[in-house]
Amino acid sequence: QVQLVESGGGSVQAGGSLRLSCAASGRTLSRYSMGWFREPPGKKREFVAAIRWTDIITNYSDSMEGRFTISRDNAKNTVYLQMNSLKPEDTAVYYCAADLSLTELRRSPDYWGQGTRVTVSS
């Protein structure tokens, strides 16, 4: 089992930045790939970014690459999502996710956090 707890959401003006955190707990975390998804109001949940614990392979959604950066701190079992140059369309609930497979993480992760809300005003 893997438990995920997100934090760092809030309200920000367009052009601003936020850093989301996802604290993970459970055994053998080094085997898991971690990622972020988001669910804008009235829309489907979508993939944002993913990273493996054991190497620096990362994936990004095309619309967010260059503005968002995913990173990890293995000592703290925490994954971060640094979001810069935020736009109103980035408004969403952001979810942390985990899966043993990086491919499956993008498609249908096994574990989800409870989500943290990000609101970007124009």
C-alpha atoms as a PDB file:
ATOM      1  CA  GLN A   1       0.000   0.000   0.000  1.00  0.00           C
ATOM      2  CA  VAL A   2       1.053   3.558  -0.747  1.00  0.00           C
ATOM      3  CA  GLN A   3      -0.455   6.607   0.923  1.00  0.00           C
ATOM      4  CA  LEU A   4      -0.216  10.005  -0.759  1.00  0.00           C
ATOM      5  CA  VAL A   5      -0.903  13.413   0.783  1.00  0.00           C
ATOM      6  CA  GLU A   6      -0.795  16.571  -1.326  1.00  0.00           C
ATOM      7  CA  SER A   7      -0.267  20.107  -0.111  1.00  0.00           C
ATOM      8  CA  GLY A   8       0.647  23.533  -1.449  1.00  0.00           C
ATOM      9  CA  GLY A   9      -2.444  24.463  -3.392  1.00  0.00           C
ATOM     10  CA  GLY A  10      -4.024  27.894  -3.173  1.00  0.00           C
ATOM     11  CA  SER A  11      -4.954  31.002  -5.097  1.00  0.00           C
ATOM     12  CA  VAL A  12      -2.530  32.936  -7.260  1.00  0.00           C
ATOM     13  CA  GLN A  13      -2.694  35.553  -9.965  1.00  0.00           C
ATOM     14  CA  ALA A  14      -1.839  34.768 -13.569  1.00  0.00           C
ATOM     15  CA  GLY A  15       1.901  34.740 -14.111  1.00  0.00           C
ATOM     16  CA  GLY A  16       2.561  33.613 -10.569  1.00  0.00           C
ATOM     17  CA  SER A  17       4.053  30.405  -9.225  1.00  0.00           C
ATOM     18  CA  LEU A  18       3.113  27.637  -6.818  1.00  0.00           C
ATOM     19  CA  ARG A  19       4.884  24.514  -5.623  1.00  0.00           C
ATOM     20  CA  LEU A  20       2.820  21.464  -4.830  1.00  0.00           C
ATOM     21  CA  SER A  21       4.124  18.703  -2.584  1.00  0.00           C
ATOM     22  CA  CYS A  22       3.146  15.054  -2.344  1.00  0.00           C
ATOM     23  CA  ALA A  23       4.284  13.163   0.719  1.00  0.00           C
ATOM     24  CA  ALA A  24       4.341   9.421   0.136  1.00  0.00           C
ATOM     25  CA  SER A  25       4.404   6.648   2.687  1.00  0.00           C
ATOM     26  CA  GLY A  26       4.505   2.873   2.394  1.00  0.00           C
ATOM     27  CA  ARG A  27       6.974   0.137   1.717  1.00  0.00           C
ATOM     28  CA  THR A  28       9.316  -0.151  -1.253  1.00  0.00           C
ATOM     29  CA  LEU A  29       8.598   3.362  -2.496  1.00  0.00           C
ATOM     30  CA  SER A  30      11.715   3.189  -4.655  1.00  0.00           C
ATOM     31  CA  ARG A  31       9.847   0.806  -6.946  1.00  0.00           C
ATOM     32  CA  TYR A  32       7.106   3.294  -7.715  1.00  0.00           C
ATOM     33  CA  SER A  33       6.763   5.939 -10.351  1.00  0.00           C
ATOM     34  CA  MET A  34       5.028   9.074  -9.111  1.00  0.00           C
ATOM     35  CA  GLY A  35       3.044  11.639 -10.966  1.00  0.00           C
ATOM     36  CA  TRP A  36       0.641  14.539 -11.018  1.00  0.00           C
ATOM     37  CA  PHE A  37      -2.749  14.816 -12.646  1.00  0.00           C
ATOM     38  CA  ARG A  38      -5.238  17.639 -12.639  1.00  0.00           C
ATOM     39  CA  GLU A  39      -8.980  17.980 -13.000  1.00  0.00           C
ATOM     40  CA  PRO A  40     -10.169  21.394 -14.226  1.00  0.00           C
ATOM     41  CA  PRO A  41     -13.737  22.425 -13.340  1.00  0.00           C
ATOM     42  CA  GLY A  42     -16.215  20.522 -15.496  1.00  0.00           C
ATOM     43  CA  LYS A  43     -13.489  18.613 -17.348  1.00  0.00           C
ATOM     44  CA  LYS A  44     -11.872  15.203 -17.209  1.00  0.00           C
ATOM     45  CA  ARG A  45      -8.820  14.446 -15.146  1.00  0.00           C
ATOM     46  CA  GLU A  46      -5.641  14.801 -17.228  1.00  0.00           C
ATOM     47  CA  PHE A  47      -2.017  13.807 -16.929  1.00  0.00           C
ATOM     48  CA  VAL A  48       0.477  16.516 -15.953  1.00  0.00           C
ATOM     49  CA  ALA A  49       3.865  14.963 -15.200  1.00  0.00           C
ATOM     50  CA  ALA A  50       5.573  11.826 -13.887  1.00  0.00           C
ATOM     51  CA  ILE A  51       8.912  10.794 -12.435  1.00  0.00           C
ATOM     52  CA  ARG A  52      10.560   7.604 -11.277  1.00  0.00           C
ATOM     53  CA  TRP A  53      12.075   7.290  -7.833  1.00  0.00           C
ATOM     54  CA  THR A  54      15.181   5.538  -9.036  1.00  0.00           C
ATOM     55  CA  ASP A  55      16.215   7.663 -11.956  1.00  0.00           C
ATOM     56  CA  ILE A  56      15.547  10.991 -13.485  1.00  0.00           C
ATOM     57  CA  ILE A  57      13.210   9.977 -16.266  1.00  0.00           C
ATOM     58  CA  THR A  58      10.345  12.455 -16.405  1.00  0.00           C
ATOM     59  CA  ASN A  59       7.315  12.862 -18.616  1.00  0.00           C
ATOM     60  CA  TYR A  60       5.291  15.989 -19.155  1.00  0.00           C
ATOM     61  CA  SER A  61       2.070  16.847 -20.866  1.00  0.00           C
ATOM     62  CA  ASP A  62       2.870  18.960 -23.928  1.00  0.00           C
ATOM     63  CA  SER A  63       0.854  21.938 -22.738  1.00  0.00           C
ATOM     64  CA  MET A  64       2.763  22.141 -19.469  1.00  0.00           C
ATOM     65  CA  GLU A  65       6.305  21.293 -20.462  1.00  0.00           C
ATOM     66  CA  GLY A  66       8.549  24.270 -19.914  1.00  0.00           C
ATOM     67  CA  ARG A  67       6.304  25.804 -17.257  1.00  0.00           C
ATOM     68  CA  PHE A  68       5.953  22.879 -14.848  1.00  0.00           C
ATOM     69  CA  THR A  69       8.794  20.894 -13.301  1.00  0.00           C
ATOM     70  CA  ILE A  70       8.448  17.637 -11.397  1.00  0.00           C
ATOM     71  CA  SER A  71      11.139  16.634  -8.931  1.00  0.00           C
ATOM     72  CA  ARG A  72      11.603  14.363  -5.965  1.00  0.00           C
ATOM     73  CA  ASP A  73      13.389  14.215  -2.631  1.00  0.00           C
ATOM     74  CA  ASN A  74      14.022  10.563  -1.884  1.00  0.00           C
ATOM     75  CA  ALA A  75      15.129  11.264   1.671  1.00  0.00           C
ATOM     76  CA  LYS A  76      11.773  12.915   2.414  1.00  0.00           C
ATOM     77  CA  ASN A  77       9.688  10.558   0.256  1.00  0.00           C
ATOM     78  CA  THR A  78       8.228  13.637  -1.349  1.00  0.00           C
ATOM     79  CA  VAL A  79       7.483  14.593  -4.935  1.00  0.00           C
ATOM     80  CA  TYR A  80       7.092  18.213  -5.986  1.00  0.00           C
ATOM     81  CA  LEU A  81       5.453  20.032  -8.837  1.00  0.00           C
ATOM     82  CA  GLN A  82       6.850  23.500  -9.426  1.00  0.00           C
ATOM     83  CA  MET A  83       4.395  25.503 -11.496  1.00  0.00           C
ATOM     84  CA  ASN A  84       5.526  28.761 -13.066  1.00  0.00           C
ATOM     85  CA  SER A  85       3.877  31.255 -15.395  1.00  0.00           C
ATOM     86  CA  LEU A  86       0.490  30.057 -14.259  1.00  0.00           C
ATOM     87  CA  LYS A  87      -2.531  30.724 -16.429  1.00  0.00           C
ATOM     88  CA  PRO A  88      -6.236  30.829 -15.554  1.00  0.00           C
ATOM     89  CA  GLU A  89      -6.647  27.576 -17.504  1.00  0.00           C
ATOM     90  CA  ASP A  90      -4.324  25.895 -15.001  1.00  0.00           C
ATOM     91  CA  THR A  91      -7.107  26.210 -12.426  1.00  0.00           C
ATOM     92  CA  ALA A  92      -7.881  22.674 -11.251  1.00  0.00           C
ATOM     93  CA  VAL A  93      -7.703  20.180  -8.458  1.00  0.00           C
ATOM     94  CA  TYR A  94      -4.249  18.626  -8.636  1.00  0.00           C
ATOM     95  CA  TYR A  95      -3.805  14.992  -7.662  1.00  0.00           C
ATOM     96  CA  CYS A  96      -0.718  13.014  -6.832  1.00  0.00           C
ATOM     97  CA  ALA A  97      -0.586   9.420  -8.086  1.00  0.00           C
ATOM     98  CA  ALA A  98       1.633   6.351  -7.879  1.00  0.00           C
ATOM     99  CA  ASP A  99       2.098   3.136  -9.815  1.00  0.00           C
ATOM    100  CA  LEU A 100       4.774   0.512 -10.241  1.00  0.00           C
ATOM    101  CA  SER A 101       4.781   1.132 -13.992  1.00  0.00           C
ATOM    102  CA  LEU A 102       5.499   4.521 -15.520  1.00  0.00           C
ATOM    103  CA  THR A 103       3.318   3.568 -18.483  1.00  0.00           C
ATOM    104  CA  GLU A 104       0.427   2.518 -16.255  1.00  0.00           C
ATOM    105  CA  LEU A 105       0.864   5.626 -14.133  1.00  0.00           C
ATOM    106  CA  ARG A 106      -0.032   7.755 -17.139  1.00  0.00           C
ATOM    107  CA  ARG A 107      -2.999   5.579 -18.004  1.00  0.00           C
ATOM    108  CA  SER A 108      -4.540   4.361 -14.743  1.00  0.00           C
ATOM    109  CA  PRO A 109      -2.510   4.728 -11.537  1.00  0.00           C
ATOM    110  CA  ASP A 110      -3.036   2.343  -8.659  1.00  0.00           C
ATOM    111  CA  TYR A 111      -2.875   5.009  -5.945  1.00  0.00           C
ATOM    112  CA  TRP A 112      -4.251   8.531  -5.639  1.00  0.00           C
ATOM    113  CA  GLY A 113      -4.009  11.339  -3.147  1.00  0.00           C
ATOM    114  CA  GLN A 114      -6.993  13.382  -2.031  1.00  0.00           C
ATOM    115  CA  GLY A 115      -6.140  16.384  -4.222  1.00  0.00           C
ATOM    116  CA  THR A 116      -5.216  20.011  -3.650  1.00  0.00           C
ATOM    117  CA  ARG A 117      -6.993  22.918  -5.295  1.00  0.00           C
ATOM    118  CA  VAL A 118      -5.209  25.523  -7.403  1.00  0.00           C
ATOM    119  CA  THR A 119      -7.004  28.659  -8.524  1.00  0.00           C
ATOM    120  CA  VAL A 120      -5.383  31.081 -10.958  1.00  0.00           C
ATOM    121  CA  SER A 121      -7.094  34.427 -11.441  1.00  0.00           C
ATOM    122  CA  SER A 122      -6.620  36.738 -14.393  1.00  0.00           C
END
